[in-house]
Amino acid sequence: MQGLGKRVLVIAFDGWNDAGEAATAAATQVQAAGHFERAFGVDPELYFDYQYTRPQMKADAEGVRSLVWPEATLWRPTDHTEEAPALWLLTGPEPARAWQAFAAEFVDAALREDITGIVALGSMMSDVPHTRPISVFAGSDNEELRTLLELERSTYEGPVGILSVIAAAAEQAGIPTAALWASVPHYVAGHTPSPKATLALLDKLEEITGATVARGELPADALAWEASIDAAAADDEEMSEYIRQLETTRDTWDSPEASGDAIAQEFEKYLRRRGDGPRGPKDDPRR
């Protein structure tokens, strides 16, 4: 069994799959820790709704302004060797249309890059405390990967995001695929991004790929993030009591008697809660 191999594509999309910006921040950290070049990109006119994902006006160092259009891009590492596992990246906003064609384009590009495995990164709002280690659901529909890497098999049925569509297309093309989902405390919506969740994703990514990713300022940012929530909770007795209840529940999960399915059940509960449409936490109009 070869697992994910030595040319692993890491996927993270802005939108429905990215609570607390944890997944996209993890991909950003991977990119910042290495050297990458653009390997492939799709025509944004085919896949994005500009009323939903608007182009941005930006200025360069000389003050010259130009339009920057939303795009999804496959990035190739320029400093990899075949001796050690290397990470490619696929990043961008979740597309608004033609998901099957979108997935097919990137799976074809992955095949051209001789990608040996794919890891999809996601993050979800969950009923978990910020004071405990961030839970990461690590799963795969690939039986060989589940056995080799000790991953879970999800039994979820319902609406999905672009990560699941690409994963299904990749598996059909013969590229083994795993998914990592971090659980972000839902009551910290005002404290985004969530660097503690990003760190948890990177830790698990390293574990299942064997690649090394420098953490940069993330550990310090995670401590500051947790401290800021502690300070907010100290002034709110109702919030403090709620966090204590979540801590009790989490400690029960982590006890030797707890079921090994607890994280998987939380993951599926989240997906059912999000089954009203493809809008991510950042895109929720109630926020």
Protein backbone atom coordinates (compact mmCIF):
# COMPACT_ATOMS: atom_id res chain seq x y z
CA MET A 1 0.00 0.00 0.00
CA GLN A 2 1.42 3.39 -0.98
CA GLY A 3 -0.93 5.75 0.85
CA LEU A 4 -0.97 9.28 -0.54
CA GLY A 5 2.45 9.00 -2.18
CA LYS A 6 5.02 11.77 -2.51
CA ARG A 7 3.16 14.25 -4.74
CA VAL A 8 0.15 15.32 -2.70
CA LEU A 9 -2.36 17.97 -3.77
CA VAL A 10 -3.83 19.95 -0.87
CA ILE A 11 -7.20 21.57 -1.63
CA ALA A 12 -8.85 24.43 0.28
CA PHE A 13 -11.69 26.66 -0.93
CA ASP A 14 -13.04 29.90 0.48
CA GLY A 15 -16.75 29.70 1.29
CA TRP A 16 -19.01 26.92 2.57
CA ASN A 17 -16.07 24.68 3.48
CA ASP A 18 -14.08 27.27 5.48
CA ALA A 19 -15.46 28.16 8.93
CA GLY A 20 -13.16 30.52 10.76
CA GLU A 21 -11.02 30.68 7.61
CA ALA A 22 -9.14 27.71 9.08
CA ALA A 23 -8.81 25.68 5.88
CA THR A 24 -7.73 28.51 3.58
CA ALA A 25 -5.35 29.81 6.24
CA ALA A 26 -3.73 26.37 6.38
CA ALA A 27 -3.23 26.42 2.60
CA THR A 28 -1.85 29.96 2.83
CA GLN A 29 0.65 28.81 5.45
CA VAL A 30 1.76 25.91 3.24
CA GLN A 31 2.31 28.35 0.38
CA ALA A 32 4.12 30.88 2.58
CA ALA A 33 6.44 28.17 3.90
CA GLY A 34 7.63 27.11 0.43
CA HIS A 35 8.12 28.27 -3.13
CA PHE A 36 5.37 27.76 -5.70
CA GLU A 37 4.58 28.58 -9.30
CA ARG A 38 1.22 28.68 -11.05
CA ALA A 39 0.64 25.36 -12.81
CA PHE A 40 -2.98 25.71 -13.97
CA GLY A 41 -6.04 27.92 -13.64
CA VAL A 42 -9.57 27.86 -15.03
CA ASP A 43 -11.45 30.56 -16.90
CA PRO A 44 -13.38 32.44 -14.17
CA GLU A 45 -16.15 33.38 -16.62
CA LEU A 46 -17.21 29.73 -16.72
CA TYR A 47 -17.50 29.03 -13.02
CA PHE A 48 -17.97 32.14 -10.88
CA ASP A 49 -20.97 34.36 -10.25
CA TYR A 50 -19.54 37.86 -9.92
CA GLN A 51 -22.50 39.05 -7.85
CA TYR A 52 -21.60 36.36 -5.32
CA THR A 53 -17.79 36.47 -5.67
CA ARG A 54 -17.03 39.97 -6.90
CA PRO A 55 -13.85 41.07 -8.68
CA GLN A 56 -11.61 43.34 -6.61
CA MET A 57 -10.02 46.68 -7.47
CA LYS A 58 -6.40 46.73 -6.25
CA ALA A 59 -3.47 49.14 -6.54
CA ASP A 60 0.18 48.21 -7.03
CA ALA A 61 3.20 49.83 -5.37
CA GLU A 62 3.04 52.74 -7.86
CA GLY A 63 -0.64 53.31 -7.16
CA VAL A 64 -1.81 51.91 -10.50
CA ARG A 65 -5.22 50.31 -10.07
CA SER A 66 -6.42 47.19 -11.83
CA LEU A 67 -9.21 44.64 -11.59
CA VAL A 68 -8.40 41.28 -10.04
CA TRP A 69 -10.87 38.56 -10.99
CA PRO A 70 -11.70 35.60 -8.75
CA GLU A 71 -9.87 32.47 -9.79
CA ALA A 72 -9.09 28.93 -8.71
CA THR A 73 -5.45 28.01 -9.17
CA LEU A 74 -3.29 24.90 -9.00
CA TRP A 75 0.14 25.72 -7.55
CA ARG A 76 3.26 23.59 -8.13
CA PRO A 77 6.15 23.55 -5.62
CA THR A 78 9.41 24.60 -7.24
CA ASP A 79 11.71 23.31 -4.51
CA HIS A 80 10.52 19.71 -4.17
CA THR A 81 12.56 16.55 -4.56
CA GLU A 82 11.29 13.05 -5.21
CA GLU A 83 12.97 11.79 -2.02
CA ALA A 84 10.53 13.52 0.34
CA PRO A 85 6.76 14.10 0.16
CA ALA A 86 5.87 17.40 -1.49
CA LEU A 87 2.64 19.41 -1.42
CA TRP A 88 0.89 20.99 -4.41
CA LEU A 89 -1.97 23.44 -3.73
CA LEU A 90 -5.40 24.12 -5.19
CA THR A 91 -6.95 27.30 -3.82
CA GLY A 92 -9.67 29.80 -4.64
CA PRO A 93 -13.32 30.61 -3.92
CA GLU A 94 -15.91 27.86 -4.24
CA PRO A 95 -17.35 28.00 -7.78
CA ALA A 96 -20.97 28.97 -8.34
CA ARG A 97 -21.77 26.76 -11.34
CA ALA A 98 -20.70 23.82 -13.52
CA TRP A 99 -19.12 21.91 -10.65
CA GLN A 100 -18.61 18.71 -12.64
CA ALA A 101 -16.72 20.51 -15.39
CA PHE A 102 -14.74 22.47 -12.77
CA ALA A 103 -13.73 19.26 -10.99
CA ALA A 104 -12.86 17.54 -14.27
CA GLU A 105 -10.52 20.37 -15.27
CA PHE A 106 -8.57 20.19 -12.03
CA VAL A 107 -8.47 16.40 -11.88
CA ASP A 108 -7.04 16.42 -15.42
CA ALA A 109 -4.46 18.98 -14.30
CA ALA A 110 -3.62 16.82 -11.27
CA LEU A 111 -3.04 13.83 -13.54
CA ARG A 112 -0.72 15.91 -15.72
CA GLU A 113 1.22 16.84 -12.58
CA ASP A 114 1.49 13.14 -11.63
CA ILE A 115 -0.30 13.80 -8.35
CA THR A 116 -0.30 10.63 -6.23
CA GLY A 117 -2.84 11.67 -3.59
CA ILE A 118 -5.20 14.46 -2.58
CA VAL A 119 -6.04 15.92 0.83
CA ALA A 120 -9.08 18.22 1.02
CA LEU A 121 -9.09 20.70 3.91
CA GLY A 122 -12.31 21.98 5.45
CA SER A 123 -13.53 23.53 8.69
CA MET A 124 -16.95 23.56 10.32
CA MET A 125 -18.72 25.40 13.13
CA SER A 126 -19.36 22.91 15.95
CA ASP A 127 -20.48 22.69 19.57
CA VAL A 128 -16.93 22.43 20.95
CA PRO A 129 -14.96 24.52 23.48
CA HIS A 130 -12.08 26.77 22.42
CA THR A 131 -10.12 25.74 25.53
CA ARG A 132 -9.55 22.16 24.39
CA PRO A 133 -7.52 20.78 21.46
CA ILE A 134 -9.30 21.34 18.16
CA SER A 135 -10.91 18.14 16.87
CA VAL A 136 -10.10 17.14 13.29
CA PHE A 137 -12.23 14.61 11.45
CA ALA A 138 -9.92 12.64 9.16
CA GLY A 139 -11.80 10.49 6.67
CA SER A 140 -11.74 8.89 3.26
CA ASP A 141 -13.97 6.85 0.97
CA ASN A 142 -10.85 4.99 -0.15
CA GLU A 143 -10.61 1.69 1.73
CA GLU A 144 -6.86 1.38 1.28
CA LEU A 145 -6.24 4.85 2.72
CA ARG A 146 -8.55 4.19 5.66
CA THR A 147 -6.62 1.04 6.53
CA LEU A 148 -3.15 2.50 6.05
CA LEU A 149 -3.71 5.90 7.66
CA GLU A 150 -6.36 4.88 10.21
CA LEU A 151 -8.97 7.22 8.76
CA GLU A 152 -12.72 7.24 9.37
CA ARG A 153 -15.44 6.38 6.88
CA SER A 154 -18.24 8.93 6.89
CA THR A 155 -21.84 7.72 6.70
CA TYR A 156 -23.19 11.21 5.99
CA GLU A 157 -25.87 11.63 3.32
CA GLY A 158 -26.98 15.08 2.19
CA PRO A 159 -25.81 18.30 0.50
CA VAL A 160 -22.04 18.70 -0.01
CA GLY A 161 -19.53 21.32 -1.11
CA ILE A 162 -17.01 21.43 -3.93
CA LEU A 163 -14.47 19.45 -1.87
CA SER A 164 -16.66 16.35 -2.06
CA VAL A 165 -17.24 16.80 -5.79
CA ILE A 166 -13.52 17.02 -6.55
CA ALA A 167 -12.76 14.11 -4.22
CA ALA A 168 -15.31 11.90 -5.98
CA ALA A 169 -13.92 12.83 -9.42
CA ALA A 170 -10.35 12.21 -8.24
CA GLU A 171 -11.20 8.78 -6.86
CA GLN A 172 -12.85 7.85 -10.16
CA ALA A 173 -9.65 8.91 -11.92
CA GLY A 174 -7.56 6.71 -9.64
CA ILE A 175 -6.18 9.37 -7.28
CA PRO A 176 -6.68 8.36 -3.60
CA THR A 177 -8.25 11.16 -1.59
CA ALA A 178 -8.58 12.00 2.10
CA ALA A 179 -10.44 14.82 3.85
CA LEU A 180 -9.57 16.74 7.01
CA TRP A 181 -12.24 18.84 8.75
CA ALA A 182 -11.47 20.99 11.79
CA SER A 183 -14.20 21.75 14.33
CA VAL A 184 -14.32 25.49 15.10
CA PRO A 185 -16.26 26.64 18.20
CA HIS A 186 -19.43 28.20 16.85
CA TYR A 187 -19.54 30.94 19.52
CA VAL A 188 -16.26 32.49 18.31
CA ALA A 189 -17.75 33.86 15.08
CA GLY A 190 -16.50 37.32 16.00
CA HIS A 191 -12.95 36.06 16.55
CA THR A 192 -12.12 34.95 13.02
CA PRO A 193 -9.73 33.84 11.71
CA SER A 194 -9.22 30.81 13.98
CA PRO A 195 -5.46 30.06 14.03
CA LYS A 196 -5.85 27.25 16.58
CA ALA A 197 -8.00 25.34 14.07
CA THR A 198 -5.50 26.09 11.31
CA LEU A 199 -2.71 24.61 13.44
CA ALA A 200 -4.77 21.48 14.07
CA LEU A 201 -5.29 21.00 10.33
CA LEU A 202 -1.57 21.44 9.63
CA ASP A 203 -0.66 18.95 12.36
CA LYS A 204 -2.96 16.33 10.86
CA LEU A 205 -1.83 17.15 7.31
CA GLU A 206 1.77 16.49 8.30
CA GLU A 207 0.79 13.28 10.05
CA ILE A 208 -0.95 11.69 7.05
CA THR A 209 1.35 13.01 4.29
CA GLY A 210 4.78 12.96 5.91
CA ALA A 211 5.43 16.46 4.55
CA THR A 212 6.82 19.23 6.76
CA VAL A 213 5.18 22.67 6.98
CA ALA A 214 6.73 25.56 8.93
CA ARG A 215 4.23 27.12 11.33
CA GLY A 216 5.50 30.70 11.28
CA GLU A 217 3.57 32.95 13.67
CA LEU A 218 0.61 30.57 13.96
CA PRO A 219 1.44 29.19 17.45
CA ALA A 220 1.63 32.71 18.90
CA ASP A 221 -1.50 33.75 17.01
CA ALA A 222 -3.36 30.71 18.37
CA LEU A 223 -2.42 31.61 21.96
CA ALA A 224 -3.56 35.20 21.42
CA TRP A 225 -6.82 34.00 19.85
CA GLU A 226 -7.60 31.75 22.82
CA ALA A 227 -6.69 34.50 25.30
CA SER A 228 -9.01 36.98 23.57
CA ILE A 229 -11.92 34.56 23.87
CA ASP A 230 -11.06 33.89 27.51
CA ALA A 231 -11.20 37.63 28.15
CA ALA A 232 -14.57 37.96 26.44
CA ALA A 233 -15.98 35.01 28.39
CA ALA A 234 -14.73 36.44 31.70
CA ASP A 235 -17.13 39.37 31.26
CA ASP A 236 -20.09 37.17 30.30
CA GLU A 237 -21.28 34.66 32.90
CA GLU A 238 -23.76 33.06 30.50
CA MET A 239 -21.01 32.46 27.94
CA SER A 240 -18.67 31.15 30.63
CA GLU A 241 -21.25 28.64 31.84
CA TYR A 242 -21.90 27.50 28.28
CA ILE A 243 -18.17 26.97 27.71
CA ARG A 244 -17.97 24.92 30.94
CA GLN A 245 -20.78 22.70 29.65
CA LEU A 246 -18.94 22.19 26.36
CA GLU A 247 -15.74 21.38 28.27
CA THR A 248 -17.56 18.72 30.27
CA THR A 249 -18.92 17.17 27.09
CA ARG A 250 -15.53 17.25 25.40
CA ASP A 251 -13.79 15.71 28.41
CA THR A 252 -16.35 12.91 28.32
CA TRP A 253 -15.53 12.30 24.63
CA ASP A 254 -11.84 12.18 25.46
CA SER A 255 -12.25 9.71 28.31
CA PRO A 256 -11.16 6.09 27.74
CA GLU A 257 -14.79 5.00 27.81
CA ALA A 258 -15.87 7.39 25.05
CA SER A 259 -16.92 6.09 21.63
CA GLY A 260 -14.43 6.46 18.81
CA ASP A 261 -17.29 7.66 16.59
CA ALA A 262 -17.83 10.90 18.51
CA ILE A 263 -15.94 13.21 16.12
CA ALA A 264 -17.52 11.57 13.08
CA GLN A 265 -20.98 12.06 14.57
CA GLU A 266 -20.24 15.74 15.23
CA PHE A 267 -19.04 16.14 11.62
CA GLU A 268 -22.24 14.63 10.24
CA LYS A 269 -24.40 16.70 12.60
CA TYR A 270 -22.71 19.83 11.25
CA LEU A 271 -23.32 18.86 7.63
CA ARG A 272 -27.00 18.21 8.32
CA ARG A 273 -27.23 21.59 10.04
CA ARG A 274 -25.72 23.19 6.92
CA GLY A 275 -28.04 21.35 4.55
CA ASP A 276 -30.04 24.47 3.65
CA GLY A 277 -27.61 25.53 0.92
CA PRO A 278 -24.01 26.07 -0.13
CA ARG A 279 -23.43 29.27 1.85
CA GLY A 280 -20.48 29.15 4.20
CA PRO A 281 -20.38 30.69 7.68
CA LYS A 282 -18.64 33.82 6.37
CA ASP A 283 -21.38 34.27 3.79
CA ASP A 284 -24.28 33.96 6.23
CA PRO A 285 -26.34 37.20 5.97
CA ARG A 286 -27.28 36.92 9.63
CA ARG A 287 -23.66 37.69 10.59
